[in-house]
Every structure is written in structure tokens, then in C-alpha cells.
Full PDB file with SEQRES, HELIX, SHEET, SSBOND, CRYST1, ORIGX, SCALE, CONECT and MASTER records, all heavy atoms in Angstrom:
SEQRES   1 A   41  ARG ARG LEU ILE VAL PRO LYS ARG ARG PRO ALA MET GLY          
SEQRES   2 A   41  TRP THR ILE ASN PHE GLY ARG ARG ARG GLY TRP LEU VAL          
SEQRES   3 A   41  LEU ALA GLY LEU LEU VAL THR ALA ILE ALA VAL PRO LEU          
SEQRES   4 A   41  ALA LEU                                                      
HELIX    1 AA1 PRO A   10  MET A   12  5                                   3    
HELIX    2 AA2 ARG A   21  ALA A   40  1                                  20    
SHEET    1 AA1 2 ILE A   4  PRO A   6  0                                        
SHEET    2 AA1 2 TRP A  14  ILE A  16 -1                                        
CRYST1    1.000    1.000    1.000  90.00  90.00  90.00 P 1           1          
ORIGX1      1.000000  0.000000  0.000000        0.00000                         
ORIGX2      0.000000  1.000000  0.000000        0.00000                         
ORIGX3      0.000000  0.000000  1.000000        0.00000                         
SCALE1      1.000000  0.000000  0.000000        0.00000                         
SCALE2      0.000000  1.000000  0.000000        0.00000                         
SCALE3      0.000000  0.000000  1.000000        0.00000                         
ATOM      1  N   ARG A   1     125.818  95.506 120.262  1.00  0.00           N  
ATOM      2  CA  ARG A   1     125.132  96.787 120.335  1.00  0.00           C  
ATOM      3  C   ARG A   1     125.829  97.827 119.407  1.00  0.00           C  
ATOM      4  O   ARG A   1     125.311  98.863 119.207  1.00  0.00           O  
ATOM      5  CB  ARG A   1     125.278  97.325 121.788  1.00  0.00           C  
ATOM      6  CG  ARG A   1     124.671  96.229 122.736  1.00  0.00           C  
ATOM      7  CD  ARG A   1     123.708  96.673 123.729  1.00  0.00           C  
ATOM      8  NE  ARG A   1     123.118  98.089 123.762  1.00  0.00           N  
ATOM      9  CZ  ARG A   1     121.890  98.397 123.471  1.00  0.00           C  
ATOM     10  NH1 ARG A   1     121.046  97.434 123.262  1.00  0.00           N  
ATOM     11  NH2 ARG A   1     121.518  99.556 123.635  1.00  0.00           N  
ATOM     12  N   ARG A   2     126.903  97.557 118.812  1.00  0.00           N  
ATOM     13  CA  ARG A   2     127.611  98.458 117.826  1.00  0.00           C  
ATOM     14  C   ARG A   2     126.903  98.595 116.488  1.00  0.00           C  
ATOM     15  O   ARG A   2     126.349  97.650 116.025  1.00  0.00           O  
ATOM     16  CB  ARG A   2     129.082  97.980 117.655  1.00  0.00           C  
ATOM     17  CG  ARG A   2     130.006  97.884 118.845  1.00  0.00           C  
ATOM     18  CD  ARG A   2     131.210  97.366 118.432  1.00  0.00           C  
ATOM     19  NE  ARG A   2     131.215  95.913 117.923  1.00  0.00           N  
ATOM     20  CZ  ARG A   2     132.201  95.215 117.409  1.00  0.00           C  
ATOM     21  NH1 ARG A   2     133.358  95.676 117.417  1.00  0.00           N  
ATOM     22  NH2 ARG A   2     132.004  93.966 117.147  1.00  0.00           N  
ATOM     23  N   LEU A   3     126.848  99.737 116.075  1.00  0.00           N  
ATOM     24  CA  LEU A   3     126.091 100.100 114.787  1.00  0.00           C  
ATOM     25  C   LEU A   3     127.157  99.884 113.599  1.00  0.00           C  
ATOM     26  O   LEU A   3     126.713  99.343 112.571  1.00  0.00           O  
ATOM     27  CB  LEU A   3     125.553 101.469 114.765  1.00  0.00           C  
ATOM     28  CG  LEU A   3     124.967 102.025 113.478  1.00  0.00           C  
ATOM     29  CD1 LEU A   3     123.649 101.135 113.148  1.00  0.00           C  
ATOM     30  CD2 LEU A   3     124.518 103.438 113.703  1.00  0.00           C  
ATOM     31  N   ILE A   4     128.387 100.308 113.820  1.00  0.00           N  
ATOM     32  CA  ILE A   4     129.339 100.177 112.812  1.00  0.00           C  
ATOM     33  C   ILE A   4     130.554  99.239 113.315  1.00  0.00           C  
ATOM     34  O   ILE A   4     131.003  99.492 114.534  1.00  0.00           O  
ATOM     35  CB  ILE A   4     130.000 101.485 112.400  1.00  0.00           C  
ATOM     36  CG1 ILE A   4     128.961 102.464 112.055  1.00  0.00           C  
ATOM     37  CG2 ILE A   4     131.007 101.489 111.388  1.00  0.00           C  
ATOM     38  CD1 ILE A   4     128.214 102.270 110.757  1.00  0.00           C  
ATOM     39  N   VAL A   5     130.873  98.217 112.500  1.00  0.00           N  
ATOM     40  CA  VAL A   5     131.891  97.295 112.926  1.00  0.00           C  
ATOM     41  C   VAL A   5     132.933  97.142 111.877  1.00  0.00           C  
ATOM     42  O   VAL A   5     132.607  97.442 110.740  1.00  0.00           O  
ATOM     43  CB  VAL A   5     131.302  95.881 113.248  1.00  0.00           C  
ATOM     44  CG1 VAL A   5     130.341  95.981 114.327  1.00  0.00           C  
ATOM     45  CG2 VAL A   5     130.544  95.316 112.057  1.00  0.00           C  
ATOM     46  N   PRO A   6     134.190  96.725 112.210  1.00  0.00           N  
ATOM     47  CA  PRO A   6     135.203  96.546 111.151  1.00  0.00           C  
ATOM     48  C   PRO A   6     134.732  95.419 110.179  1.00  0.00           C  
ATOM     49  O   PRO A   6     133.970  94.503 110.782  1.00  0.00           O  
ATOM     50  CB  PRO A   6     136.394  96.060 111.921  1.00  0.00           C  
ATOM     51  CG  PRO A   6     136.122  96.380 113.406  1.00  0.00           C  
ATOM     52  CD  PRO A   6     134.704  96.462 113.540  1.00  0.00           C  
ATOM     53  N   LYS A   7     135.106  95.430 109.013  1.00  0.00           N  
ATOM     54  CA  LYS A   7     134.837  94.280 108.091  1.00  0.00           C  
ATOM     55  C   LYS A   7     135.672  93.034 108.512  1.00  0.00           C  
ATOM     56  O   LYS A   7     136.590  93.160 109.304  1.00  0.00           O  
ATOM     57  CB  LYS A   7     135.131  94.706 106.725  1.00  0.00           C  
ATOM     58  CG  LYS A   7     134.276  95.723 106.144  1.00  0.00           C  
ATOM     59  CD  LYS A   7     134.505  96.005 104.687  1.00  0.00           C  
ATOM     60  CE  LYS A   7     133.418  96.809 104.159  1.00  0.00           C  
ATOM     61  NZ  LYS A   7     133.588  97.125 102.701  1.00  0.00           N  
ATOM     62  N   ARG A   8     135.368  91.881 107.974  1.00  0.00           N  
ATOM     63  CA  ARG A   8     136.112  90.638 108.223  1.00  0.00           C  
ATOM     64  C   ARG A   8     137.674  90.913 108.067  1.00  0.00           C  
ATOM     65  O   ARG A   8     138.435  90.435 108.721  1.00  0.00           O  
ATOM     66  CB  ARG A   8     135.625  89.497 107.422  1.00  0.00           C  
ATOM     67  CG  ARG A   8     134.257  89.135 107.729  1.00  0.00           C  
ATOM     68  CD  ARG A   8     134.064  88.393 109.017  1.00  0.00           C  
ATOM     69  NE  ARG A   8     134.589  87.032 108.821  1.00  0.00           N  
ATOM     70  CZ  ARG A   8     134.566  86.221 109.788  1.00  0.00           C  
ATOM     71  NH1 ARG A   8     134.188  86.410 110.941  1.00  0.00           N  
ATOM     72  NH2 ARG A   8     135.025  84.902 109.511  1.00  0.00           N  
ATOM     73  N   ARG A   9     137.952  91.721 107.067  1.00  0.00           N  
ATOM     74  CA  ARG A   9     139.330  92.121 106.890  1.00  0.00           C  
ATOM     75  C   ARG A   9     139.427  93.576 107.351  1.00  0.00           C  
ATOM     76  O   ARG A   9     139.076  94.494 106.487  1.00  0.00           O  
ATOM     77  CB  ARG A   9     139.738  91.963 105.445  1.00  0.00           C  
ATOM     78  CG  ARG A   9     139.769  90.523 105.079  1.00  0.00           C  
ATOM     79  CD  ARG A   9     140.331  90.415 103.657  1.00  0.00           C  
ATOM     80  NE  ARG A   9     140.424  89.030 103.230  1.00  0.00           N  
ATOM     81  CZ  ARG A   9     140.639  88.652 102.011  1.00  0.00           C  
ATOM     82  NH1 ARG A   9     140.815  89.496 101.080  1.00  0.00           N  
ATOM     83  NH2 ARG A   9     140.627  87.400 101.687  1.00  0.00           N  
ATOM     84  N   PRO A  10     139.825  93.851 108.552  1.00  0.00           N  
ATOM     85  CA  PRO A  10     139.690  95.215 109.088  1.00  0.00           C  
ATOM     86  C   PRO A  10     140.366  96.266 108.176  1.00  0.00           C  
ATOM     87  O   PRO A  10     139.978  97.499 108.130  1.00  0.00           O  
ATOM     88  CB  PRO A  10     140.304  95.083 110.508  1.00  0.00           C  
ATOM     89  CG  PRO A  10     140.033  93.780 110.825  1.00  0.00           C  
ATOM     90  CD  PRO A  10     140.161  92.922 109.592  1.00  0.00           C  
ATOM     91  N   ALA A  11     141.360  95.900 107.428  1.00  0.00           N  
ATOM     92  CA  ALA A  11     142.080  96.851 106.476  1.00  0.00           C  
ATOM     93  C   ALA A  11     141.214  97.344 105.459  1.00  0.00           C  
ATOM     94  O   ALA A  11     141.431  98.347 104.804  1.00  0.00           O  
ATOM     95  CB  ALA A  11     143.399  96.200 105.974  1.00  0.00           C  
ATOM     96  N   MET A  12     140.079  96.641 105.225  1.00  0.00           N  
ATOM     97  CA  MET A  12     139.156  97.010 104.112  1.00  0.00           C  
ATOM     98  C   MET A  12     138.106  98.030 104.541  1.00  0.00           C  
ATOM     99  O   MET A  12     137.289  98.363 103.812  1.00  0.00           O  
ATOM    100  CB  MET A  12     138.406  95.670 103.552  1.00  0.00           C  
ATOM    101  CG  MET A  12     139.337  94.771 102.999  1.00  0.00           C  
ATOM    102  SD  MET A  12     140.234  95.334 101.492  1.00  0.00           S  
ATOM    103  CE  MET A  12     138.927  95.484 100.352  1.00  0.00           C  
ATOM    104  N   GLY A  13     138.124  98.318 105.809  1.00  0.00           N  
ATOM    105  CA  GLY A  13     137.227  99.464 106.371  1.00  0.00           C  
ATOM    106  C   GLY A  13     136.219  98.929 107.343  1.00  0.00           C  
ATOM    107  O   GLY A  13     136.459  98.038 108.152  1.00  0.00           O  
ATOM    108  N   TRP A  14     134.945  99.520 107.174  1.00  0.00           N  
ATOM    109  CA  TRP A  14     133.919  99.276 108.185  1.00  0.00           C  
ATOM    110  C   TRP A  14     132.665  98.878 107.451  1.00  0.00           C  
ATOM    111  O   TRP A  14     132.429  99.082 106.259  1.00  0.00           O  
ATOM    112  CB  TRP A  14     133.690 100.499 109.010  1.00  0.00           C  
ATOM    113  CG  TRP A  14     134.922 100.970 109.737  1.00  0.00           C  
ATOM    114  CD1 TRP A  14     136.003 101.583 109.292  1.00  0.00           C  
ATOM    115  CD2 TRP A  14     135.247 100.692 111.165  1.00  0.00           C  
ATOM    116  NE1 TRP A  14     136.924 101.760 110.298  1.00  0.00           N  
ATOM    117  CE2 TRP A  14     136.475 101.266 111.346  1.00  0.00           C  
ATOM    118  CE3 TRP A  14     134.584 100.073 112.095  1.00  0.00           C  
ATOM    119  CZ2 TRP A  14     137.048 101.132 112.680  1.00  0.00           C  
ATOM    120  CZ3 TRP A  14     135.107  99.944 113.432  1.00  0.00           C  
ATOM    121  CH2 TRP A  14     136.321 100.457 113.662  1.00  0.00           C  
ATOM    122  N   THR A  15     131.763  98.241 108.218  1.00  0.00           N  
ATOM    123  CA  THR A  15     130.448  97.928 107.673  1.00  0.00           C  
ATOM    124  C   THR A  15     129.404  98.177 108.783  1.00  0.00           C  
ATOM    125  O   THR A  15     129.616  98.388 109.955  1.00  0.00           O  
ATOM    126  CB  THR A  15     130.482  96.418 107.264  1.00  0.00           C  
ATOM    127  OG1 THR A  15     129.215  96.152 106.522  1.00  0.00           O  
ATOM    128  CG2 THR A  15     130.585  95.428 108.424  1.00  0.00           C  
ATOM    129  N   ILE A  16     128.113  98.110 108.280  1.00  0.00           N  
ATOM    130  CA  ILE A  16     127.043  98.227 109.126  1.00  0.00           C  
ATOM    131  C   ILE A  16     126.582  97.007 109.776  1.00  0.00           C  
ATOM    132  O   ILE A  16     126.502  95.861 109.089  1.00  0.00           O  
ATOM    133  CB  ILE A  16     125.792  98.829 108.372  1.00  0.00           C  
ATOM    134  CG1 ILE A  16     126.190 100.259 107.770  1.00  0.00           C  
ATOM    135  CG2 ILE A  16     124.580  99.015 109.181  1.00  0.00           C  
ATOM    136  CD1 ILE A  16     125.271 100.733 106.753  1.00  0.00           C  
ATOM    137  N   ASN A  17     126.138  97.078 111.086  1.00  0.00           N  
ATOM    138  CA  ASN A  17     125.555  95.863 111.754  1.00  0.00           C  
ATOM    139  C   ASN A  17     124.028  95.890 111.435  1.00  0.00           C  
ATOM    140  O   ASN A  17     123.263  96.612 111.852  1.00  0.00           O  
ATOM    141  CB  ASN A  17     125.766  95.972 113.269  1.00  0.00           C  
ATOM    142  CG  ASN A  17     125.064  94.926 114.012  1.00  0.00           C  
ATOM    143  OD1 ASN A  17     124.545  93.961 113.412  1.00  0.00           O  
ATOM    144  ND2 ASN A  17     125.251  94.889 115.253  1.00  0.00           N  
ATOM    145  N   PHE A  18     123.720  94.972 110.393  1.00  0.00           N  
ATOM    146  CA  PHE A  18     122.301  95.065 110.024  1.00  0.00           C  
ATOM    147  C   PHE A  18     121.359  94.288 111.000  1.00  0.00           C  
ATOM    148  O   PHE A  18     120.143  94.179 110.832  1.00  0.00           O  
ATOM    149  CB  PHE A  18     122.252  94.362 108.740  1.00  0.00           C  
ATOM    150  CG  PHE A  18     122.755  95.101 107.533  1.00  0.00           C  
ATOM    151  CD1 PHE A  18     124.066  94.869 107.056  1.00  0.00           C  
ATOM    152  CD2 PHE A  18     122.104  96.187 106.985  1.00  0.00           C  
ATOM    153  CE1 PHE A  18     124.627  95.639 106.064  1.00  0.00           C  
ATOM    154  CE2 PHE A  18     122.612  96.909 106.047  1.00  0.00           C  
ATOM    155  CZ  PHE A  18     123.896  96.773 105.598  1.00  0.00           C  
ATOM    156  N   GLY A  19     121.900  93.826 112.126  1.00  0.00           N  
ATOM    157  CA  GLY A  19     121.108  93.229 113.159  1.00  0.00           C  
ATOM    158  C   GLY A  19     120.482  94.357 113.997  1.00  0.00           C  
ATOM    159  O   GLY A  19     119.606  94.117 114.867  1.00  0.00           O  
ATOM    160  N   ARG A  20     120.872  95.546 113.850  1.00  0.00           N  
ATOM    161  CA  ARG A  20     120.347  96.778 114.537  1.00  0.00           C  
ATOM    162  C   ARG A  20     119.490  97.481 113.666  1.00  0.00           C  
ATOM    163  O   ARG A  20     119.761  97.796 112.396  1.00  0.00           O  
ATOM    164  CB  ARG A  20     121.497  97.703 115.020  1.00  0.00           C  
ATOM    165  CG  ARG A  20     122.646  97.107 115.733  1.00  0.00           C  
ATOM    166  CD  ARG A  20     122.353  96.464 117.118  1.00  0.00           C  
ATOM    167  NE  ARG A  20     121.812  97.496 117.919  1.00  0.00           N  
ATOM    168  CZ  ARG A  20     121.198  97.276 119.041  1.00  0.00           C  
ATOM    169  NH1 ARG A  20     121.050  96.108 119.487  1.00  0.00           N  
ATOM    170  NH2 ARG A  20     120.753  98.274 119.738  1.00  0.00           N  
ATOM    171  N   ARG A  21     118.263  97.901 114.083  1.00  0.00           N  
ATOM    172  CA  ARG A  21     117.297  98.775 113.373  1.00  0.00           C  
ATOM    173  C   ARG A  21     117.998  99.996 112.864  1.00  0.00           C  
ATOM    174  O   ARG A  21     117.715 100.378 111.634  1.00  0.00           O  
ATOM    175  CB  ARG A  21     116.147  99.087 114.128  1.00  0.00           C  
ATOM    176  CG  ARG A  21     115.103  99.803 113.451  1.00  0.00           C  
ATOM    177  CD  ARG A  21     113.763 100.085 114.205  1.00  0.00           C  
ATOM    178  NE  ARG A  21     113.240  98.763 114.517  1.00  0.00           N  
ATOM    179  CZ  ARG A  21     112.229  98.515 115.470  1.00  0.00           C  
ATOM    180  NH1 ARG A  21     111.896  99.633 116.198  1.00  0.00           N  
ATOM    181  NH2 ARG A  21     111.863  97.450 115.685  1.00  0.00           N  
ATOM    182  N   ARG A  22     118.742 100.675 113.638  1.00  0.00           N  
ATOM    183  CA  ARG A  22     119.432 101.791 113.165  1.00  0.00           C  
ATOM    184  C   ARG A  22     120.419 101.539 111.964  1.00  0.00           C  
ATOM    185  O   ARG A  22     120.631 102.354 111.122  1.00  0.00           O  
ATOM    186  CB  ARG A  22     120.195 102.532 114.362  1.00  0.00           C  
ATOM    187  CG  ARG A  22     119.241 103.196 115.231  1.00  0.00           C  
ATOM    188  CD  ARG A  22     119.962 104.060 116.276  1.00  0.00           C  
ATOM    189  NE  ARG A  22     120.675 103.207 117.138  1.00  0.00           N  
ATOM    190  CZ  ARG A  22     121.752 103.594 117.845  1.00  0.00           C  
ATOM    191  NH1 ARG A  22     122.180 104.866 117.797  1.00  0.00           N  
ATOM    192  NH2 ARG A  22     122.379 102.729 118.707  1.00  0.00           N  
ATOM    193  N   GLY A  23     120.964 100.370 111.873  1.00  0.00           N  
ATOM    194  CA  GLY A  23     121.763  99.927 110.682  1.00  0.00           C  
ATOM    195  C   GLY A  23     121.060 100.068 109.400  1.00  0.00           C  
ATOM    196  O   GLY A  23     121.486 100.618 108.414  1.00  0.00           O  
ATOM    197  N   TRP A  24     119.702  99.636 109.458  1.00  0.00           N  
ATOM    198  CA  TRP A  24     118.933  99.753 108.297  1.00  0.00           C  
ATOM    199  C   TRP A  24     118.599 101.216 107.917  1.00  0.00           C  
ATOM    200  O   TRP A  24     118.519 101.640 106.829  1.00  0.00           O  
ATOM    201  CB  TRP A  24     117.710  98.962 108.323  1.00  0.00           C  
ATOM    202  CG  TRP A  24     117.881  97.447 108.430  1.00  0.00           C  
ATOM    203  CD1 TRP A  24     117.970  96.641 109.403  1.00  0.00           C  
ATOM    204  CD2 TRP A  24     118.168  96.599 107.133  1.00  0.00           C  
ATOM    205  NE1 TRP A  24     118.389  95.422 108.986  1.00  0.00           N  
ATOM    206  CE2 TRP A  24     118.457  95.348 107.615  1.00  0.00           C  
ATOM    207  CE3 TRP A  24     118.271  96.962 105.875  1.00  0.00           C  
ATOM    208  CZ2 TRP A  24     118.712  94.323 106.675  1.00  0.00           C  
ATOM    209  CZ3 TRP A  24     118.620  95.943 105.044  1.00  0.00           C  
ATOM    210  CH2 TRP A  24     118.832  94.670 105.399  1.00  0.00           C  
ATOM    211  N   LEU A  25     118.378 102.016 108.956  1.00  0.00           N  
ATOM    212  CA  LEU A  25     118.222 103.378 108.864  1.00  0.00           C  
ATOM    213  C   LEU A  25     119.276 104.129 108.148  1.00  0.00           C  
ATOM    214  O   LEU A  25     119.141 105.040 107.260  1.00  0.00           O  
ATOM    215  CB  LEU A  25     117.768 104.157 110.066  1.00  0.00           C  
ATOM    216  CG  LEU A  25     116.428 103.652 110.760  1.00  0.00           C  
ATOM    217  CD1 LEU A  25     116.167 104.387 112.057  1.00  0.00           C  
ATOM    218  CD2 LEU A  25     115.214 103.914 109.757  1.00  0.00           C  
ATOM    219  N   VAL A  26     120.551 103.783 108.610  1.00  0.00           N  
ATOM    220  CA  VAL A  26     121.812 104.335 108.053  1.00  0.00           C  
ATOM    221  C   VAL A  26     121.871 103.935 106.531  1.00  0.00           C  
ATOM    222  O   VAL A  26     122.099 104.880 105.794  1.00  0.00           O  
ATOM    223  CB  VAL A  26     122.980 103.894 108.859  1.00  0.00           C  
ATOM    224  CG1 VAL A  26     124.242 104.191 108.033  1.00  0.00           C  
ATOM    225  CG2 VAL A  26     123.043 104.473 110.207  1.00  0.00           C  
ATOM    226  N   LEU A  27     121.640 102.684 106.277  1.00  0.00           N  
ATOM    227  CA  LEU A  27     121.638 102.236 104.806  1.00  0.00           C  
ATOM    228  C   LEU A  27     120.606 103.055 103.923  1.00  0.00           C  
ATOM    229  O   LEU A  27     120.853 103.557 102.914  1.00  0.00           O  
ATOM    230  CB  LEU A  27     121.315 100.809 104.670  1.00  0.00           C  
ATOM    231  CG  LEU A  27     121.299 100.342 103.259  1.00  0.00           C  
ATOM    232  CD1 LEU A  27     122.629 100.471 102.598  1.00  0.00           C  
ATOM    233  CD2 LEU A  27     120.863  98.790 103.339  1.00  0.00           C  
ATOM    234  N   ALA A  28     119.340 103.215 104.516  1.00  0.00           N  
ATOM    235  CA  ALA A  28     118.344 103.984 103.768  1.00  0.00           C  
ATOM    236  C   ALA A  28     118.791 105.462 103.530  1.00  0.00           C  
ATOM    237  O   ALA A  28     118.606 106.011 102.520  1.00  0.00           O  
ATOM    238  CB  ALA A  28     117.061 103.942 104.660  1.00  0.00           C  
ATOM    239  N   GLY A  29     119.377 106.117 104.721  1.00  0.00           N  
ATOM    240  CA  GLY A  29     119.878 107.491 104.462  1.00  0.00           C  
ATOM    241  C   GLY A  29     120.937 107.552 103.440  1.00  0.00           C  
ATOM    242  O   GLY A  29     121.010 108.537 102.688  1.00  0.00           O  
ATOM    243  N   LEU A  30     121.833 106.578 103.481  1.00  0.00           N  
ATOM    244  CA  LEU A  30     122.901 106.644 102.368  1.00  0.00           C  
ATOM    245  C   LEU A  30     122.417 106.496 100.937  1.00  0.00           C  
ATOM    246  O   LEU A  30     122.772 107.210 100.088  1.00  0.00           O  
ATOM    247  CB  LEU A  30     123.928 105.531 102.622  1.00  0.00           C  
ATOM    248  CG  LEU A  30     124.693 105.732 103.885  1.00  0.00           C  
ATOM    249  CD1 LEU A  30     125.616 104.335 104.211  1.00  0.00           C  
ATOM    250  CD2 LEU A  30     125.718 106.812 103.773  1.00  0.00           C  
ATOM    251  N   LEU A  31     121.348 105.603 100.814  1.00  0.00           N  
ATOM    252  CA  LEU A  31     120.748 105.472  99.518  1.00  0.00           C  
ATOM    253  C   LEU A  31     119.954 106.627  99.087  1.00  0.00           C  
ATOM    254  O   LEU A  31     120.137 107.155  97.890  1.00  0.00           O  
ATOM    255  CB  LEU A  31     119.881 104.172  99.528  1.00  0.00           C  
ATOM    256  CG  LEU A  31     120.450 102.878  99.606  1.00  0.00           C  
ATOM    257  CD1 LEU A  31     119.511 101.752  99.763  1.00  0.00           C  
ATOM    258  CD2 LEU A  31     121.349 102.591  98.367  1.00  0.00           C  
ATOM    259  N   VAL A  32     119.221 107.296 100.027  1.00  0.00           N  
ATOM    260  CA  VAL A  32     118.485 108.490  99.751  1.00  0.00           C  
ATOM    261  C   VAL A  32     119.491 109.601  99.226  1.00  0.00           C  
ATOM    262  O   VAL A  32     119.271 110.278  98.261  1.00  0.00           O  
ATOM    263  CB  VAL A  32     117.569 108.951 100.884  1.00  0.00           C  
ATOM    264  CG1 VAL A  32     117.085 110.360 100.714  1.00  0.00           C  
ATOM    265  CG2 VAL A  32     116.447 108.025 101.048  1.00  0.00           C  
ATOM    266  N   THR A  33     120.512 109.766 100.075  1.00  0.00           N  
ATOM    267  CA  THR A  33     121.575 110.702  99.650  1.00  0.00           C  
ATOM    268  C   THR A  33     122.129 110.487  98.359  1.00  0.00           C  
ATOM    269  O   THR A  33     122.282 111.391  97.563  1.00  0.00           O  
ATOM    270  CB  THR A  33     122.580 110.819 100.836  1.00  0.00           C  
ATOM    271  OG1 THR A  33     121.972 111.080 102.068  1.00  0.00           O  
ATOM    272  CG2 THR A  33     123.689 111.771 100.526  1.00  0.00           C  
ATOM    273  N   ALA A  34     122.572 109.229  97.995  1.00  0.00           N  
ATOM    274  CA  ALA A  34     123.174 108.934  96.805  1.00  0.00           C  
ATOM    275  C   ALA A  34     122.310 109.099  95.679  1.00  0.00           C  
ATOM    276  O   ALA A  34     122.725 109.498  94.520  1.00  0.00           O  
ATOM    277  CB  ALA A  34     123.640 107.400  96.738  1.00  0.00           C  
ATOM    278  N   ILE A  35     120.919 109.100  95.899  1.00  0.00           N  
ATOM    279  CA  ILE A  35     120.119 109.403  94.760  1.00  0.00           C  
ATOM    280  C   ILE A  35     119.653 110.885  94.648  1.00  0.00           C  
ATOM    281  O   ILE A  35     119.600 111.416  93.688  1.00  0.00           O  
ATOM    282  CB  ILE A  35     118.681 108.488  94.886  1.00  0.00           C  
ATOM    283  CG1 ILE A  35     119.082 107.172  94.772  1.00  0.00           C  
ATOM    284  CG2 ILE A  35     117.572 108.950  94.044  1.00  0.00           C  
ATOM    285  CD1 ILE A  35     118.029 106.179  95.137  1.00  0.00           C  
ATOM    286  N   ALA A  36     119.399 111.501  95.861  1.00  0.00           N  
ATOM    287  CA  ALA A  36     118.944 112.913  95.912  1.00  0.00           C  
ATOM    288  C   ALA A  36     119.980 113.860  95.529  1.00  0.00           C  
ATOM    289  O   ALA A  36     119.697 114.812  94.695  1.00  0.00           O  
ATOM    290  CB  ALA A  36     118.446 113.239  97.224  1.00  0.00           C  
ATOM    291  N   VAL A  37     121.207 113.711  95.802  1.00  0.00           N  
ATOM    292  CA  VAL A  37     122.300 114.715  95.561  1.00  0.00           C  
ATOM    293  C   VAL A  37     122.455 114.789  93.908  1.00  0.00           C  
ATOM    294  O   VAL A  37     122.322 115.932  93.422  1.00  0.00           O  
ATOM    295  CB  VAL A  37     123.610 114.390  96.236  1.00  0.00           C  
ATOM    296  CG1 VAL A  37     124.815 115.218  95.639  1.00  0.00           C  
ATOM    297  CG2 VAL A  37     123.430 114.628  97.638  1.00  0.00           C  
ATOM    298  N   PRO A  38     122.681 113.625  93.266  1.00  0.00           N  
ATOM    299  CA  PRO A  38     122.782 113.805  91.731  1.00  0.00           C  
ATOM    300  C   PRO A  38     121.589 114.484  91.186  1.00  0.00           C  
ATOM    301  O   PRO A  38     121.590 115.254  90.211  1.00  0.00           O  
ATOM    302  CB  PRO A  38     122.975 112.347  91.267  1.00  0.00           C  
ATOM    303  CG  PRO A  38     123.530 111.725  92.400  1.00  0.00           C  
ATOM    304  CD  PRO A  38     122.915 112.336  93.636  1.00  0.00           C  
ATOM    305  N   LEU A  39     120.275 114.084  91.544  1.00  0.00           N  
ATOM    306  CA  LEU A  39     119.159 114.668  91.111  1.00  0.00           C  
ATOM    307  C   LEU A  39     118.990 116.220  91.362  1.00  0.00           C  
ATOM    308  O   LEU A  39     118.752 116.960  90.401  1.00  0.00           O  
ATOM    309  CB  LEU A  39     117.924 114.016  91.652  1.00  0.00           C  
ATOM    310  CG  LEU A  39     117.623 112.547  91.266  1.00  0.00           C  
ATOM    311  CD1 LEU A  39     116.470 112.000  91.985  1.00  0.00           C  
ATOM    312  CD2 LEU A  39     117.493 112.509  89.712  1.00  0.00           C  
ATOM    313  N   ALA A  40     119.424 116.578  92.512  1.00  0.00           N  
ATOM    314  CA  ALA A  40     119.382 118.057  92.836  1.00  0.00           C  
ATOM    315  C   ALA A  40     120.482 118.747  91.972  1.00  0.00           C  
ATOM    316  O   ALA A  40     120.221 119.831  91.502  1.00  0.00           O  
ATOM    317  CB  ALA A  40     119.705 118.210  94.349  1.00  0.00           C  
ATOM    318  N   LEU A  41     121.667 118.187  91.800  1.00  0.00           N  
ATOM    319  CA  LEU A  41     122.692 118.877  90.993  1.00  0.00           C  
ATOM    320  C   LEU A  41     122.198 118.880  89.554  1.00  0.00           C  
ATOM    321  O   LEU A  41     122.484 119.936  88.804  1.00  0.00           O  
ATOM    322  CB  LEU A  41     123.958 118.071  91.095  1.00  0.00           C  
ATOM    323  CG  LEU A  41     124.696 118.153  92.492  1.00  0.00           C  
ATOM    324  CD1 LEU A  41     125.952 117.228  92.482  1.00  0.00           C  
ATOM    325  CD2 LEU A  41     124.972 119.611  92.750  1.00  0.00           C  
TER     326      LEU A  41                                                      
MASTER        0    0    0    2    2    0    0    6  325    1    0    4          
END                                                                             
């Protein structure tokens, strides 16, 4: 049920659980932000 989980090597940070629908929404939001902010600037 977790949306964000530690990576296989926890010292490397966290990753998204792509088995959850909200995980895909988080990825889409990150991509939109990564594209929209430079375009706006």
C-alpha cells in the first residue's frame, strides 16, 4: 500500500511503487513539472 519505498540499496534514496495508480500520477506530475518550469522560465 506504500506509494514511496526505499530503493533496493536504501542508502541510494527512495523510489515510487509503480504498482499503485497514484505512483504513476506522481511520475506524471514530476515530468510535467520538469518540462513546464524550464519553459515558463
